[in-house]
Amino acid sequence: SAIRGQGAFITVGAKWGLEGGKGRKTKLPI
């Protein structure tokens, strides 16, 4: 996901319950 001027991110495992259901979120590039 990304918003112009606010960076891009990858979020893994939100629906799998990682990090309390928030998923593991990392700023891109990795």
mmCIF file of all heavy atoms, coordinates in Angstrom:
data_MODEL
# 
_entry.id   MODEL 
# 
loop_
_atom_site.group_PDB 
_atom_site.id 
_atom_site.type_symbol 
_atom_site.label_atom_id 
_atom_site.label_alt_id 
_atom_site.label_comp_id 
_atom_site.label_asym_id 
_atom_site.label_entity_id 
_atom_site.label_seq_id 
_atom_site.pdbx_PDB_ins_code 
_atom_site.Cartn_x 
_atom_site.Cartn_y 
_atom_site.Cartn_z 
_atom_site.occupancy 
_atom_site.B_iso_or_equiv 
_atom_site.pdbx_formal_charge 
_atom_site.auth_seq_id 
_atom_site.auth_comp_id 
_atom_site.auth_asym_id 
_atom_site.auth_atom_id 
_atom_site.pdbx_PDB_model_num 
ATOM 1   N N   . SER A 1 1  ? 0.829  -1.200  0.000  1.00 0.00 ? 1  SER A N   1 
ATOM 2   C CA  . SER A 1 1  ? 0.000  0.000   0.000  1.00 0.00 ? 1  SER A CA  1 
ATOM 3   C C   . SER A 1 1  ? 0.861  1.247   0.000  1.00 0.00 ? 1  SER A C   1 
ATOM 4   O O   . SER A 1 1  ? 2.005  1.231   0.476  1.00 0.00 ? 1  SER A O   1 
ATOM 5   C CB  . SER A 1 1  ? -0.938 0.008   1.215  1.00 0.00 ? 1  SER A CB  1 
ATOM 6   O OG  . SER A 1 1  ? -0.194 0.025   2.420  1.00 0.00 ? 1  SER A OG  1 
ATOM 7   N N   . ALA A 1 2  ? 0.291  2.333   -0.546 1.00 0.00 ? 2  ALA A N   1 
ATOM 8   C CA  . ALA A 1 2  ? 1.008  3.601   -0.588 1.00 0.00 ? 2  ALA A CA  1 
ATOM 9   C C   . ALA A 1 2  ? 0.032  4.745   -0.758 1.00 0.00 ? 2  ALA A C   1 
ATOM 10  O O   . ALA A 1 2  ? -1.040 4.593   -1.360 1.00 0.00 ? 2  ALA A O   1 
ATOM 11  C CB  . ALA A 1 2  ? 2.024  3.613   -1.733 1.00 0.00 ? 2  ALA A CB  1 
ATOM 12  N N   . ILE A 1 3  ? 0.419  5.887   -0.227 1.00 0.00 ? 3  ILE A N   1 
ATOM 13  C CA  . ILE A 1 3  ? -0.264 7.159   -0.434 1.00 0.00 ? 3  ILE A CA  1 
ATOM 14  C C   . ILE A 1 3  ? 0.785  8.133   -0.941 1.00 0.00 ? 3  ILE A C   1 
ATOM 15  O O   . ILE A 1 3  ? 1.908  8.174   -0.409 1.00 0.00 ? 3  ILE A O   1 
ATOM 16  C CB  . ILE A 1 3  ? -0.881 7.690   0.868  1.00 0.00 ? 3  ILE A CB  1 
ATOM 17  C CG1 . ILE A 1 3  ? -1.885 6.691   1.446  1.00 0.00 ? 3  ILE A CG1 1 
ATOM 18  C CG2 . ILE A 1 3  ? -1.532 9.057   0.643  1.00 0.00 ? 3  ILE A CG2 1 
ATOM 19  C CD1 . ILE A 1 3  ? -2.366 7.058   2.849  1.00 0.00 ? 3  ILE A CD1 1 
ATOM 20  N N   . ARG A 1 4  ? 0.445  8.898   -1.961 1.00 0.00 ? 4  ARG A N   1 
ATOM 21  C CA  . ARG A 1 4  ? 1.410  9.834   -2.527 1.00 0.00 ? 4  ARG A CA  1 
ATOM 22  C C   . ARG A 1 4  ? 1.963  10.760  -1.430 1.00 0.00 ? 4  ARG A C   1 
ATOM 23  O O   . ARG A 1 4  ? 1.219  11.395  -0.687 1.00 0.00 ? 4  ARG A O   1 
ATOM 24  C CB  . ARG A 1 4  ? 0.778  10.677  -3.631 1.00 0.00 ? 4  ARG A CB  1 
ATOM 25  C CG  . ARG A 1 4  ? 1.802  11.525  -4.398 1.00 0.00 ? 4  ARG A CG  1 
ATOM 26  C CD  . ARG A 1 4  ? 1.130  12.552  -5.270 1.00 0.00 ? 4  ARG A CD  1 
ATOM 27  N NE  . ARG A 1 4  ? 0.240  11.939  -6.252 1.00 0.00 ? 4  ARG A NE  1 
ATOM 28  C CZ  . ARG A 1 4  ? -0.560 12.658  -7.052 1.00 0.00 ? 4  ARG A CZ  1 
ATOM 29  N NH1 . ARG A 1 4  ? -0.599 13.969  -6.948 1.00 0.00 ? 4  ARG A NH1 1 
ATOM 30  N NH2 . ARG A 1 4  ? -1.325 12.045  -7.924 1.00 0.00 ? 4  ARG A NH2 1 
ATOM 31  N N   . GLY A 1 5  ? 3.279  10.794  -1.330 1.00 0.00 ? 5  GLY A N   1 
ATOM 32  C CA  . GLY A 1 5  ? 3.947  11.652  -0.361 1.00 0.00 ? 5  GLY A CA  1 
ATOM 33  C C   . GLY A 1 5  ? 4.058  11.077  1.029  1.00 0.00 ? 5  GLY A C   1 
ATOM 34  O O   . GLY A 1 5  ? 4.611  11.721  1.931  1.00 0.00 ? 5  GLY A O   1 
ATOM 35  N N   . GLN A 1 6  ? 3.550  9.839   1.229  1.00 0.00 ? 6  GLN A N   1 
ATOM 36  C CA  . GLN A 1 6  ? 3.554  9.273   2.580  1.00 0.00 ? 6  GLN A CA  1 
ATOM 37  C C   . GLN A 1 6  ? 4.228  7.906   2.665  1.00 0.00 ? 6  GLN A C   1 
ATOM 38  O O   . GLN A 1 6  ? 4.103  7.205   3.668  1.00 0.00 ? 6  GLN A O   1 
ATOM 39  C CB  . GLN A 1 6  ? 2.115  9.182   3.104  1.00 0.00 ? 6  GLN A CB  1 
ATOM 40  C CG  . GLN A 1 6  ? 1.430  10.535  3.213  1.00 0.00 ? 6  GLN A CG  1 
ATOM 41  C CD  . GLN A 1 6  ? 0.045  10.455  3.812  1.00 0.00 ? 6  GLN A CD  1 
ATOM 42  O OE1 . GLN A 1 6  ? -0.188 9.684   4.754  1.00 0.00 ? 6  GLN A OE1 1 
ATOM 43  N NE2 . GLN A 1 6  ? -0.889 11.229  3.286  1.00 0.00 ? 6  GLN A NE2 1 
ATOM 44  N N   . GLY A 1 7  ? 4.941  7.509   1.625  1.00 0.00 ? 7  GLY A N   1 
ATOM 45  C CA  . GLY A 1 7  ? 5.686  6.262   1.671  1.00 0.00 ? 7  GLY A CA  1 
ATOM 46  C C   . GLY A 1 7  ? 4.876  5.049   1.252  1.00 0.00 ? 7  GLY A C   1 
ATOM 47  O O   . GLY A 1 7  ? 3.657  5.117   1.077  1.00 0.00 ? 7  GLY A O   1 
ATOM 48  N N   . ALA A 1 8  ? 5.583  3.941   1.091  1.00 0.00 ? 8  ALA A N   1 
ATOM 49  C CA  . ALA A 1 8  ? 4.972  2.670   0.675  1.00 0.00 ? 8  ALA A CA  1 
ATOM 50  C C   . ALA A 1 8  ? 5.335  1.599   1.691  1.00 0.00 ? 8  ALA A C   1 
ATOM 51  O O   . ALA A 1 8  ? 6.415  1.627   2.294  1.00 0.00 ? 8  ALA A O   1 
ATOM 52  C CB  . ALA A 1 8  ? 5.468  2.275   -0.712 1.00 0.00 ? 8  ALA A CB  1 
ATOM 53  N N   . PHE A 1 9  ? 4.427  0.628   1.832  1.00 0.00 ? 9  PHE A N   1 
ATOM 54  C CA  . PHE A 1 9  ? 4.599  -0.381  2.872  1.00 0.00 ? 9  PHE A CA  1 
ATOM 55  C C   . PHE A 1 9  ? 4.130  -1.749  2.375  1.00 0.00 ? 9  PHE A C   1 
ATOM 56  O O   . PHE A 1 9  ? 3.281  -1.856  1.493  1.00 0.00 ? 9  PHE A O   1 
ATOM 57  C CB  . PHE A 1 9  ? 3.787  0.004   4.121  1.00 0.00 ? 9  PHE A CB  1 
ATOM 58  C CG  . PHE A 1 9  ? 4.201  1.313   4.725  1.00 0.00 ? 9  PHE A CG  1 
ATOM 59  C CD1 . PHE A 1 9  ? 3.646  2.501   4.266  1.00 0.00 ? 9  PHE A CD1 1 
ATOM 60  C CD2 . PHE A 1 9  ? 5.156  1.361   5.721  1.00 0.00 ? 9  PHE A CD2 1 
ATOM 61  C CE1 . PHE A 1 9  ? 4.039  3.722   4.802  1.00 0.00 ? 9  PHE A CE1 1 
ATOM 62  C CE2 . PHE A 1 9  ? 5.558  2.568   6.262  1.00 0.00 ? 9  PHE A CE2 1 
ATOM 63  C CZ  . PHE A 1 9  ? 4.996  3.754   5.798  1.00 0.00 ? 9  PHE A CZ  1 
ATOM 64  N N   . ILE A 1 10 ? 4.693  -2.787  2.984  1.00 0.00 ? 10 ILE A N   1 
ATOM 65  C CA  . ILE A 1 10 ? 4.212  -4.156  2.812  1.00 0.00 ? 10 ILE A CA  1 
ATOM 66  C C   . ILE A 1 10 ? 3.771  -4.650  4.177  1.00 0.00 ? 10 ILE A C   1 
ATOM 67  O O   . ILE A 1 10 ? 4.477  -4.468  5.181  1.00 0.00 ? 10 ILE A O   1 
ATOM 68  C CB  . ILE A 1 10 ? 5.302  -5.066  2.204  1.00 0.00 ? 10 ILE A CB  1 
ATOM 69  C CG1 . ILE A 1 10 ? 4.789  -6.494  2.061  1.00 0.00 ? 10 ILE A CG1 1 
ATOM 70  C CG2 . ILE A 1 10 ? 6.593  -5.038  3.024  1.00 0.00 ? 10 ILE A CG2 1 
ATOM 71  C CD1 . ILE A 1 10 ? 5.763  -7.425  1.340  1.00 0.00 ? 10 ILE A CD1 1 
ATOM 72  N N   . THR A 1 11 ? 2.575  -5.254  4.221  1.00 0.00 ? 11 THR A N   1 
ATOM 73  C CA  . THR A 1 11 ? 2.041  -5.807  5.467  1.00 0.00 ? 11 THR A CA  1 
ATOM 74  C C   . THR A 1 11 ? 1.724  -7.271  5.215  1.00 0.00 ? 11 THR A C   1 
ATOM 75  O O   . THR A 1 11 ? 0.933  -7.608  4.333  1.00 0.00 ? 11 THR A O   1 
ATOM 76  C CB  . THR A 1 11 ? 0.773  -5.062  5.902  1.00 0.00 ? 11 THR A CB  1 
ATOM 77  O OG1 . THR A 1 11 ? 1.060  -3.670  6.022  1.00 0.00 ? 11 THR A OG1 1 
ATOM 78  C CG2 . THR A 1 11 ? 0.278  -5.597  7.233  1.00 0.00 ? 11 THR A CG2 1 
ATOM 79  N N   . VAL A 1 12 ? 2.338  -8.140  5.996  1.00 0.00 ? 12 VAL A N   1 
ATOM 80  C CA  . VAL A 1 12 ? 2.199  -9.581  5.827  1.00 0.00 ? 12 VAL A CA  1 
ATOM 81  C C   . VAL A 1 12 ? 1.511  -10.183 7.043  1.00 0.00 ? 12 VAL A C   1 
ATOM 82  O O   . VAL A 1 12 ? 1.859  -9.877  8.182  1.00 0.00 ? 12 VAL A O   1 
ATOM 83  C CB  . VAL A 1 12 ? 3.578  -10.247 5.620  1.00 0.00 ? 12 VAL A CB  1 
ATOM 84  C CG1 . VAL A 1 12 ? 3.432  -11.761 5.492  1.00 0.00 ? 12 VAL A CG1 1 
ATOM 85  C CG2 . VAL A 1 12 ? 4.281  -9.668  4.403  1.00 0.00 ? 12 VAL A CG2 1 
ATOM 86  N N   . GLY A 1 13 ? 0.514  -11.024 6.794  1.00 0.00 ? 13 GLY A N   1 
ATOM 87  C CA  . GLY A 1 13 ? -0.047 -11.858 7.847  1.00 0.00 ? 13 GLY A CA  1 
ATOM 88  C C   . GLY A 1 13 ? -1.088 -11.210 8.729  1.00 0.00 ? 13 GLY A C   1 
ATOM 89  O O   . GLY A 1 13 ? -1.390 -11.745 9.805  1.00 0.00 ? 13 GLY A O   1 
ATOM 90  N N   . ALA A 1 14 ? -1.691 -10.106 8.310  1.00 0.00 ? 14 ALA A N   1 
ATOM 91  C CA  . ALA A 1 14 ? -2.720 -9.482  9.152  1.00 0.00 ? 14 ALA A CA  1 
ATOM 92  C C   . ALA A 1 14 ? -3.897 -10.427 9.368  1.00 0.00 ? 14 ALA A C   1 
ATOM 93  O O   . ALA A 1 14 ? -4.410 -10.569 10.484 1.00 0.00 ? 14 ALA A O   1 
ATOM 94  C CB  . ALA A 1 14 ? -3.181 -8.174  8.525  1.00 0.00 ? 14 ALA A CB  1 
ATOM 95  N N   . LYS A 1 15 ? -4.340 -11.079 8.293  1.00 0.00 ? 15 LYS A N   1 
ATOM 96  C CA  . LYS A 1 15 ? -5.468 -12.005 8.408  1.00 0.00 ? 15 LYS A CA  1 
ATOM 97  C C   . LYS A 1 15 ? -5.062 -13.325 9.050  1.00 0.00 ? 15 LYS A C   1 
ATOM 98  O O   . LYS A 1 15 ? -5.920 -14.107 9.485  1.00 0.00 ? 15 LYS A O   1 
ATOM 99  C CB  . LYS A 1 15 ? -6.085 -12.248 7.026  1.00 0.00 ? 15 LYS A CB  1 
ATOM 100 C CG  . LYS A 1 15 ? -6.728 -11.003 6.426  1.00 0.00 ? 15 LYS A CG  1 
ATOM 101 C CD  . LYS A 1 15 ? -7.800 -10.438 7.334  1.00 0.00 ? 15 LYS A CD  1 
ATOM 102 C CE  . LYS A 1 15 ? -8.378 -9.153  6.830  1.00 0.00 ? 15 LYS A CE  1 
ATOM 103 N NZ  . LYS A 1 15 ? -9.372 -8.566  7.760  1.00 0.00 ? 15 LYS A NZ  1 
ATOM 104 N N   . TRP A 1 16 ? -3.757 -13.578 9.101  1.00 0.00 ? 16 TRP A N   1 
ATOM 105 C CA  . TRP A 1 16 ? -3.267 -14.781 9.781  1.00 0.00 ? 16 TRP A CA  1 
ATOM 106 C C   . TRP A 1 16 ? -3.099 -14.547 11.278 1.00 0.00 ? 16 TRP A C   1 
ATOM 107 O O   . TRP A 1 16 ? -2.773 -15.483 12.012 1.00 0.00 ? 16 TRP A O   1 
ATOM 108 C CB  . TRP A 1 16 ? -1.926 -15.209 9.189  1.00 0.00 ? 16 TRP A CB  1 
ATOM 109 C CG  . TRP A 1 16 ? -1.993 -15.659 7.766  1.00 0.00 ? 16 TRP A CG  1 
ATOM 110 C CD1 . TRP A 1 16 ? -3.099 -16.015 7.058  1.00 0.00 ? 16 TRP A CD1 1 
ATOM 111 C CD2 . TRP A 1 16 ? -0.885 -15.795 6.865  1.00 0.00 ? 16 TRP A CD2 1 
ATOM 112 N NE1 . TRP A 1 16 ? -2.761 -16.373 5.764  1.00 0.00 ? 16 TRP A NE1 1 
ATOM 113 C CE2 . TRP A 1 16 ? -1.409 -16.245 5.617  1.00 0.00 ? 16 TRP A CE2 1 
ATOM 114 C CE3 . TRP A 1 16 ? 0.480  -15.589 6.968  1.00 0.00 ? 16 TRP A CE3 1 
ATOM 115 C CZ2 . TRP A 1 16 ? -0.601 -16.489 4.510  1.00 0.00 ? 16 TRP A CZ2 1 
ATOM 116 C CZ3 . TRP A 1 16 ? 1.286  -15.825 5.866  1.00 0.00 ? 16 TRP A CZ3 1 
ATOM 117 C CH2 . TRP A 1 16 ? 0.750  -16.273 4.646  1.00 0.00 ? 16 TRP A CH2 1 
ATOM 118 N N   . GLY A 1 17 ? -3.249 -13.298 11.719 1.00 0.00 ? 17 GLY A N   1 
ATOM 119 C CA  . GLY A 1 17 ? -3.153 -12.997 13.143 1.00 0.00 ? 17 GLY A CA  1 
ATOM 120 C C   . GLY A 1 17 ? -1.789 -12.548 13.611 1.00 0.00 ? 17 GLY A C   1 
ATOM 121 O O   . GLY A 1 17 ? -1.574 -12.405 14.825 1.00 0.00 ? 17 GLY A O   1 
ATOM 122 N N   . LEU A 1 18 ? -0.851 -12.297 12.687 1.00 0.00 ? 18 LEU A N   1 
ATOM 123 C CA  . LEU A 1 18 ? 0.467  -11.825 13.108 1.00 0.00 ? 18 LEU A CA  1 
ATOM 124 C C   . LEU A 1 18 ? 0.363  -10.447 13.755 1.00 0.00 ? 18 LEU A C   1 
ATOM 125 O O   . LEU A 1 18 ? -0.466 -9.618  13.370 1.00 0.00 ? 18 LEU A O   1 
ATOM 126 C CB  . LEU A 1 18 ? 1.414  -11.740 11.908 1.00 0.00 ? 18 LEU A CB  1 
ATOM 127 C CG  . LEU A 1 18 ? 1.879  -13.050 11.262 1.00 0.00 ? 18 LEU A CG  1 
ATOM 128 C CD1 . LEU A 1 18 ? 2.866  -12.760 10.153 1.00 0.00 ? 18 LEU A CD1 1 
ATOM 129 C CD2 . LEU A 1 18 ? 2.496  -13.983 12.292 1.00 0.00 ? 18 LEU A CD2 1 
ATOM 130 N N   . GLU A 1 19 ? 1.220  -10.233 14.738 1.00 0.00 ? 19 GLU A N   1 
ATOM 131 C CA  . GLU A 1 19 ? 1.282  -8.945  15.454 1.00 0.00 ? 19 GLU A CA  1 
ATOM 132 C C   . GLU A 1 19 ? -0.104 -8.528  15.957 1.00 0.00 ? 19 GLU A C   1 
ATOM 133 O O   . GLU A 1 19 ? -0.524 -7.378  15.811 1.00 0.00 ? 19 GLU A O   1 
ATOM 134 C CB  . GLU A 1 19 ? 1.861  -7.856  14.542 1.00 0.00 ? 19 GLU A CB  1 
ATOM 135 C CG  . GLU A 1 19 ? 3.205  -8.169  13.918 1.00 0.00 ? 19 GLU A CG  1 
ATOM 136 C CD  . GLU A 1 19 ? 4.320  -8.280  14.947 1.00 0.00 ? 19 GLU A CD  1 
ATOM 137 O OE1 . GLU A 1 19 ? 4.173  -7.721  16.048 1.00 0.00 ? 19 GLU A OE1 1 
ATOM 138 O OE2 . GLU A 1 19 ? 5.354  -8.922  14.644 1.00 0.00 ? 19 GLU A OE2 1 
ATOM 139 N N   . GLY A 1 20 ? -0.788 -9.484  16.551 1.00 0.00 ? 20 GLY A N   1 
ATOM 140 C CA  . GLY A 1 20 ? -2.096 -9.184  17.120 1.00 0.00 ? 20 GLY A CA  1 
ATOM 141 C C   . GLY A 1 20 ? -3.151 -8.842  16.091 1.00 0.00 ? 20 GLY A C   1 
ATOM 142 O O   . GLY A 1 20 ? -4.123 -8.131  16.391 1.00 0.00 ? 20 GLY A O   1 
ATOM 143 N N   . GLY A 1 21 ? -2.975 -9.339  14.872 1.00 0.00 ? 21 GLY A N   1 
ATOM 144 C CA  . GLY A 1 21 ? -3.934 -9.075  13.804 1.00 0.00 ? 21 GLY A CA  1 
ATOM 145 C C   . GLY A 1 21 ? -3.615 -7.850  12.976 1.00 0.00 ? 21 GLY A C   1 
ATOM 146 O O   . GLY A 1 21 ? -4.319 -7.560  12.002 1.00 0.00 ? 21 GLY A O   1 
ATOM 147 N N   . LYS A 1 22 ? -2.550 -7.142  13.330 1.00 0.00 ? 22 LYS A N   1 
ATOM 148 C CA  . LYS A 1 22 ? -2.143 -5.971  12.545 1.00 0.00 ? 22 LYS A CA  1 
ATOM 149 C C   . LYS A 1 22 ? -1.211 -6.346  11.400 1.00 0.00 ? 22 LYS A C   1 
ATOM 150 O O   . LYS A 1 22 ? -1.036 -5.569  10.460 1.00 0.00 ? 22 LYS A O   1 
ATOM 151 C CB  . LYS A 1 22 ? -1.452 -4.946  13.445 1.00 0.00 ? 22 LYS A CB  1 
ATOM 152 C CG  . LYS A 1 22 ? -2.357 -4.328  14.492 1.00 0.00 ? 22 LYS A CG  1 
ATOM 153 C CD  . LYS A 1 22 ? -1.611 -3.299  15.324 1.00 0.00 ? 22 LYS A CD  1 
ATOM 154 C CE  . LYS A 1 22 ? -2.533 -2.665  16.360 1.00 0.00 ? 22 LYS A CE  1 
ATOM 155 N NZ  . LYS A 1 22 ? -1.808 -1.658  17.187 1.00 0.00 ? 22 LYS A NZ  1 
ATOM 156 N N   . GLY A 1 23 ? -0.622 -7.527  11.471 1.00 0.00 ? 23 GLY A N   1 
ATOM 157 C CA  . GLY A 1 23 ? 0.323  -7.955  10.457 1.00 0.00 ? 23 GLY A CA  1 
ATOM 158 C C   . GLY A 1 23 ? 1.706  -7.363  10.689 1.00 0.00 ? 23 GLY A C   1 
ATOM 159 O O   . GLY A 1 23 ? 1.888  -6.431  11.471 1.00 0.00 ? 23 GLY A O   1 
ATOM 160 N N   . ARG A 1 24 ? 2.679  -7.927  10.008 1.00 0.00 ? 24 ARG A N   1 
ATOM 161 C CA  . ARG A 1 24 ? 4.055  -7.422  10.092 1.00 0.00 ? 24 ARG A CA  1 
ATOM 162 C C   . ARG A 1 24 ? 4.248  -6.382  8.998  1.00 0.00 ? 24 ARG A C   1 
ATOM 163 O O   . ARG A 1 24 ? 4.293  -6.700  7.823  1.00 0.00 ? 24 ARG A O   1 
ATOM 164 C CB  . ARG A 1 24 ? 5.055  -8.577  9.932  1.00 0.00 ? 24 ARG A CB  1 
ATOM 165 C CG  . ARG A 1 24 ? 6.501  -8.158  10.142 1.00 0.00 ? 24 ARG A CG  1 
ATOM 166 C CD  . ARG A 1 24 ? 7.438  -9.354  10.117 1.00 0.00 ? 24 ARG A CD  1 
ATOM 167 N NE  . ARG A 1 24 ? 7.453  -9.994  8.822  1.00 0.00 ? 24 ARG A NE  1 
ATOM 168 C CZ  . ARG A 1 24 ? 6.985  -11.224 8.591  1.00 0.00 ? 24 ARG A CZ  1 
ATOM 169 N NH1 . ARG A 1 24 ? 6.450  -11.933 9.565  1.00 0.00 ? 24 ARG A NH1 1 
ATOM 170 N NH2 . ARG A 1 24 ? 7.036  -11.743 7.380  1.00 0.00 ? 24 ARG A NH2 1 
ATOM 171 N N   . LYS A 1 25 ? 4.345  -5.131  9.391  1.00 0.00 ? 25 LYS A N   1 
ATOM 172 C CA  . LYS A 1 25 ? 4.389  -4.010  8.453  1.00 0.00 ? 25 LYS A CA  1 
ATOM 173 C C   . LYS A 1 25 ? 5.811  -3.488  8.306  1.00 0.00 ? 25 LYS A C   1 
ATOM 174 O O   . LYS A 1 25 ? 6.486  -3.213  9.295  1.00 0.00 ? 25 LYS A O   1 
ATOM 175 C CB  . LYS A 1 25 ? 3.468  -2.883  8.929  1.00 0.00 ? 25 LYS A CB  1 
ATOM 176 C CG  . LYS A 1 25 ? 3.282  -1.751  7.928  1.00 0.00 ? 25 LYS A CG  1 
ATOM 177 C CD  . LYS A 1 25 ? 2.225  -0.777  8.433  1.00 0.00 ? 25 LYS A CD  1 
ATOM 178 C CE  . LYS A 1 25 ? 1.938  0.327   7.425  1.00 0.00 ? 25 LYS A CE  1 
ATOM 179 N NZ  . LYS A 1 25 ? 0.874  1.244   7.906  1.00 0.00 ? 25 LYS A NZ  1 
ATOM 180 N N   . THR A 1 26 ? 6.252  -3.375  7.047  1.00 0.00 ? 26 THR A N   1 
ATOM 181 C CA  . THR A 1 26 ? 7.619  -2.946  6.758  1.00 0.00 ? 26 THR A CA  1 
ATOM 182 C C   . THR A 1 26 ? 7.584  -1.857  5.697  1.00 0.00 ? 26 THR A C   1 
ATOM 183 O O   . THR A 1 26 ? 6.869  -1.969  4.699  1.00 0.00 ? 26 THR A O   1 
ATOM 184 C CB  . THR A 1 26 ? 8.461  -4.122  6.232  1.00 0.00 ? 26 THR A CB  1 
ATOM 185 O OG1 . THR A 1 26 ? 8.403  -5.200  7.177  1.00 0.00 ? 26 THR A OG1 1 
ATOM 186 C CG2 . THR A 1 26 ? 9.906  -3.710  6.012  1.00 0.00 ? 26 THR A CG2 1 
ATOM 187 N N   . LYS A 1 27 ? 8.358  -0.813  5.915  1.00 0.00 ? 27 LYS A N   1 
ATOM 188 C CA  . LYS A 1 27 ? 8.455  0.257   4.914  1.00 0.00 ? 27 LYS A CA  1 
ATOM 189 C C   . LYS A 1 27 ? 9.244  -0.250  3.712  1.00 0.00 ? 27 LYS A C   1 
ATOM 190 O O   . LYS A 1 27 ? 10.211 -1.007  3.859  1.00 0.00 ? 27 LYS A O   1 
ATOM 191 C CB  . LYS A 1 27 ? 9.146  1.486   5.506  1.00 0.00 ? 27 LYS A CB  1 
ATOM 192 C CG  . LYS A 1 27 ? 8.975  2.760   4.683  1.00 0.00 ? 27 LYS A CG  1 
ATOM 193 C CD  . LYS A 1 27 ? 9.555  3.964   5.424  1.00 0.00 ? 27 LYS A CD  1 
ATOM 194 C CE  . LYS A 1 27 ? 9.132  5.262   4.743  1.00 0.00 ? 27 LYS A CE  1 
ATOM 195 N NZ  . LYS A 1 27 ? 9.545  5.374   3.358  1.00 0.00 ? 27 LYS A NZ  1 
ATOM 196 N N   . LEU A 1 28 ? 8.815  0.167   2.532  1.00 0.00 ? 28 LEU A N   1 
ATOM 197 C CA  . LEU A 1 28 ? 9.503  -0.208  1.306  1.00 0.00 ? 28 LEU A CA  1 
ATOM 198 C C   . LEU A 1 28 ? 10.451 0.904   0.865  1.00 0.00 ? 28 LEU A C   1 
ATOM 199 O O   . LEU A 1 28 ? 10.160 2.079   1.056  1.00 0.00 ? 28 LEU A O   1 
ATOM 200 C CB  . LEU A 1 28 ? 8.491  -0.495  0.198  1.00 0.00 ? 28 LEU A CB  1 
ATOM 201 C CG  . LEU A 1 28 ? 7.537  -1.666  0.451  1.00 0.00 ? 28 LEU A CG  1 
ATOM 202 C CD1 . LEU A 1 28 ? 6.562  -1.818  -0.723 1.00 0.00 ? 28 LEU A CD1 1 
ATOM 203 C CD2 . LEU A 1 28 ? 8.296  -2.965  0.678  1.00 0.00 ? 28 LEU A CD2 1 
ATOM 204 N N   . PRO A 1 29 ? 11.592 0.517   0.266  1.00 0.00 ? 29 PRO A N   1 
ATOM 205 C CA  . PRO A 1 29 ? 12.021 -0.856  -0.012 1.00 0.00 ? 29 PRO A CA  1 
ATOM 206 C C   . PRO A 1 29 ? 12.397 -1.596  1.265  1.00 0.00 ? 29 PRO A C   1 
ATOM 207 O O   . PRO A 1 29 ? 12.650 -0.972  2.300  1.00 0.00 ? 29 PRO A O   1 
ATOM 208 C CB  . PRO A 1 29 ? 13.239 -0.661  -0.930 1.00 0.00 ? 29 PRO A CB  1 
ATOM 209 C CG  . PRO A 1 29 ? 13.785 0.672   -0.527 1.00 0.00 ? 29 PRO A CG  1 
ATOM 210 C CD  . PRO A 1 29 ? 12.593 1.512   -0.187 1.00 0.00 ? 29 PRO A CD  1 
ATOM 211 N N   . ILE A 1 30 ? 12.445 -2.924  1.180  1.00 0.00 ? 30 ILE A N   1 
ATOM 212 C CA  . ILE A 1 30 ? 12.711 -3.732  2.367  1.00 0.00 ? 30 ILE A CA  1 
ATOM 213 C C   . ILE A 1 30 ? 14.102 -3.465  2.917  1.00 0.00 ? 30 ILE A C   1 
ATOM 214 O O   . ILE A 1 30 ? 14.292 -3.376  4.133  1.00 0.00 ? 30 ILE A O   1 
ATOM 215 C CB  . ILE A 1 30 ? 12.519 -5.224  2.039  1.00 0.00 ? 30 ILE A CB  1 
ATOM 216 C CG1 . ILE A 1 30 ? 11.033 -5.497  1.729  1.00 0.00 ? 30 ILE A CG1 1 
ATOM 217 C CG2 . ILE A 1 30 ? 12.989 -6.102  3.183  1.00 0.00 ? 30 ILE A CG2 1 
ATOM 218 C CD1 . ILE A 1 30 ? 10.760 -6.880  1.200  1.00 0.00 ? 30 ILE A CD1 1 
# 
